[in-house]
Amino acid sequence: MLITRGFSLTNFVIGSSALSFQIFVLYPWHEKLEAQFNRLTEEHESMLKNMRDIHREELSQIRKQLELLNKGKR
C-alpha cells in the first residue's frame, strides 16, 4: 500500500512538472519562435520581390539595347 501510494505520488509530481515545463517554458518559446519565423518570412518575401523587380528592370534594359542594335543594323 505504501509503495503504491509512493508510485502514485511520484507519477503525479513528474506529470505536474512536465506540464508546468510545457506551459511556462516551451509554449512562450514557441510563440517567440513563431513571431521570428513570421518576420523572417516577410523579410524573405520582400527580398524576393526586390530581386524580381531588379531582374525585370535588367531584362527591360537588355531588350531596349537589343532593339536599338536591331534598328541600327537595318
C-alpha atoms as a PDB file:
ATOM      1  CA  MET A   1       0.000   0.000   0.000  1.00  0.00           C
ATOM      2  CA  LEU A   2       2.778   2.412   0.914  1.00  0.00           C
ATOM      3  CA  ILE A   3       4.724   1.546  -2.265  1.00  0.00           C
ATOM      4  CA  THR A   4       1.627   2.043  -4.449  1.00  0.00           C
ATOM      5  CA  ARG A   5       0.949   5.414  -2.882  1.00  0.00           C
ATOM      6  CA  GLY A   6       4.605   6.374  -3.380  1.00  0.00           C
ATOM      7  CA  PHE A   7       4.409   5.468  -7.080  1.00  0.00           C
ATOM      8  CA  SER A   8       1.190   7.449  -7.478  1.00  0.00           C
ATOM      9  CA  LEU A   9       2.716  10.486  -5.790  1.00  0.00           C
ATOM     10  CA  THR A  10       5.878  10.171  -7.899  1.00  0.00           C
ATOM     11  CA  ASN A  11       3.831   9.943 -11.107  1.00  0.00           C
ATOM     12  CA  PHE A  12       1.802  12.972 -10.076  1.00  0.00           C
ATOM     13  CA  VAL A  13       4.923  15.028  -9.347  1.00  0.00           C
ATOM     14  CA  ILE A  14       6.580  14.024 -12.627  1.00  0.00           C
ATOM     15  CA  GLY A  15       3.411  14.715 -14.632  1.00  0.00           C
ATOM     16  CA  SER A  16       2.851  18.073 -12.939  1.00  0.00           C
ATOM     17  CA  SER A  17       6.477  19.048 -13.526  1.00  0.00           C
ATOM     18  CA  ALA A  18       6.270  18.100 -17.199  1.00  0.00           C
ATOM     19  CA  LEU A  19       3.039  20.040 -17.667  1.00  0.00           C
ATOM     20  CA  SER A  20       4.430  23.082 -15.868  1.00  0.00           C
ATOM     21  CA  PHE A  21       7.560  22.967 -18.038  1.00  0.00           C
ATOM     22  CA  GLN A  22       5.446  22.841 -21.201  1.00  0.00           C
ATOM     23  CA  ILE A  23       3.195  25.702 -20.092  1.00  0.00           C
ATOM     24  CA  PHE A  24       5.782  28.064 -18.663  1.00  0.00           C
ATOM     25  CA  VAL A  25       8.852  27.317 -20.816  1.00  0.00           C
ATOM     26  CA  LEU A  26       8.024  25.625 -24.111  1.00  0.00           C
ATOM     27  CA  TYR A  27       4.845  27.497 -25.023  1.00  0.00           C
ATOM     28  CA  PRO A  28       6.320  31.029 -24.630  1.00  0.00           C
ATOM     29  CA  TRP A  29       9.425  29.860 -26.502  1.00  0.00           C
ATOM     30  CA  HIS A  30       7.189  28.505 -29.273  1.00  0.00           C
ATOM     31  CA  GLU A  31       5.373  31.850 -29.514  1.00  0.00           C
ATOM     32  CA  LYS A  32       8.701  33.709 -29.732  1.00  0.00           C
ATOM     33  CA  LEU A  33       9.980  31.372 -32.451  1.00  0.00           C
ATOM     34  CA  GLU A  34       6.749  31.707 -34.406  1.00  0.00           C
ATOM     35  CA  ALA A  35       6.972  35.514 -34.318  1.00  0.00           C
ATOM     36  CA  GLN A  36      10.597  35.379 -35.500  1.00  0.00           C
ATOM     37  CA  PHE A  37       9.671  32.925 -38.253  1.00  0.00           C
ATOM     38  CA  ASN A  38       6.844  35.171 -39.460  1.00  0.00           C
ATOM     39  CA  ARG A  39       9.207  38.165 -39.505  1.00  0.00           C
ATOM     40  CA  LEU A  40      11.806  36.156 -41.409  1.00  0.00           C
ATOM     41  CA  THR A  41       9.173  35.037 -43.913  1.00  0.00           C
ATOM     42  CA  GLU A  42       8.091  38.638 -44.510  1.00  0.00           C
ATOM     43  CA  GLU A  43      11.708  39.742 -44.992  1.00  0.00           C
ATOM     44  CA  HIS A  44      12.302  36.877 -47.406  1.00  0.00           C
ATOM     45  CA  GLU A  45       9.202  37.725 -49.449  1.00  0.00           C
ATOM     46  CA  SER A  46      10.276  41.370 -49.560  1.00  0.00           C
ATOM     47  CA  MET A  47      13.766  40.407 -50.716  1.00  0.00           C
ATOM     48  CA  LEU A  48      12.334  38.140 -53.424  1.00  0.00           C
ATOM     49  CA  LYS A  49      10.088  40.951 -54.654  1.00  0.00           C
ATOM     50  CA  ASN A  50      13.047  43.349 -54.795  1.00  0.00           C
ATOM     51  CA  MET A  51      15.167  40.827 -56.709  1.00  0.00           C
ATOM     52  CA  ARG A  52      12.287  40.167 -59.126  1.00  0.00           C
ATOM     53  CA  ASP A  53      11.937  43.906 -59.751  1.00  0.00           C
ATOM     54  CA  ILE A  54      15.693  44.263 -60.307  1.00  0.00           C
ATOM     55  CA  HIS A  55      15.715  41.356 -62.760  1.00  0.00           C
ATOM     56  CA  ARG A  56      12.689  42.749 -64.576  1.00  0.00           C
ATOM     57  CA  GLU A  57      14.434  46.130 -64.930  1.00  0.00           C
ATOM     58  CA  GLU A  58      17.640  44.484 -66.183  1.00  0.00           C
ATOM     59  CA  LEU A  59      15.704  42.466 -68.753  1.00  0.00           C
ATOM     60  CA  SER A  60      13.903  45.604 -69.877  1.00  0.00           C
ATOM     61  CA  GLN A  61      17.208  47.410 -70.371  1.00  0.00           C
ATOM     62  CA  ILE A  62      18.668  44.468 -72.300  1.00  0.00           C
ATOM     63  CA  ARG A  63      15.566  44.358 -74.520  1.00  0.00           C
ATOM     64  CA  LYS A  64      15.863  48.092 -75.239  1.00  0.00           C
ATOM     65  CA  GLN A  65      19.552  47.738 -76.128  1.00  0.00           C
ATOM     66  CA  LEU A  66      18.783  44.816 -78.455  1.00  0.00           C
ATOM     67  CA  GLU A  67      16.032  46.802 -80.146  1.00  0.00           C
ATOM     68  CA  LEU A  68      18.458  49.703 -80.670  1.00  0.00           C
ATOM     69  CA  LEU A  69      21.054  47.331 -82.140  1.00  0.00           C
ATOM     70  CA  ASN A  70      18.488  45.757 -84.446  1.00  0.00           C
ATOM     71  CA  LYS A  71      17.311  49.183 -85.649  1.00  0.00           C
ATOM     72  CA  GLY A  72      20.927  50.220 -86.233  1.00  0.00           C
ATOM     73  CA  LYS A  73      21.570  47.204 -88.450  1.00  0.00           C
ATOM     74  CA  ARG A  74      18.610  47.953 -90.721  1.00  0.00           C
END
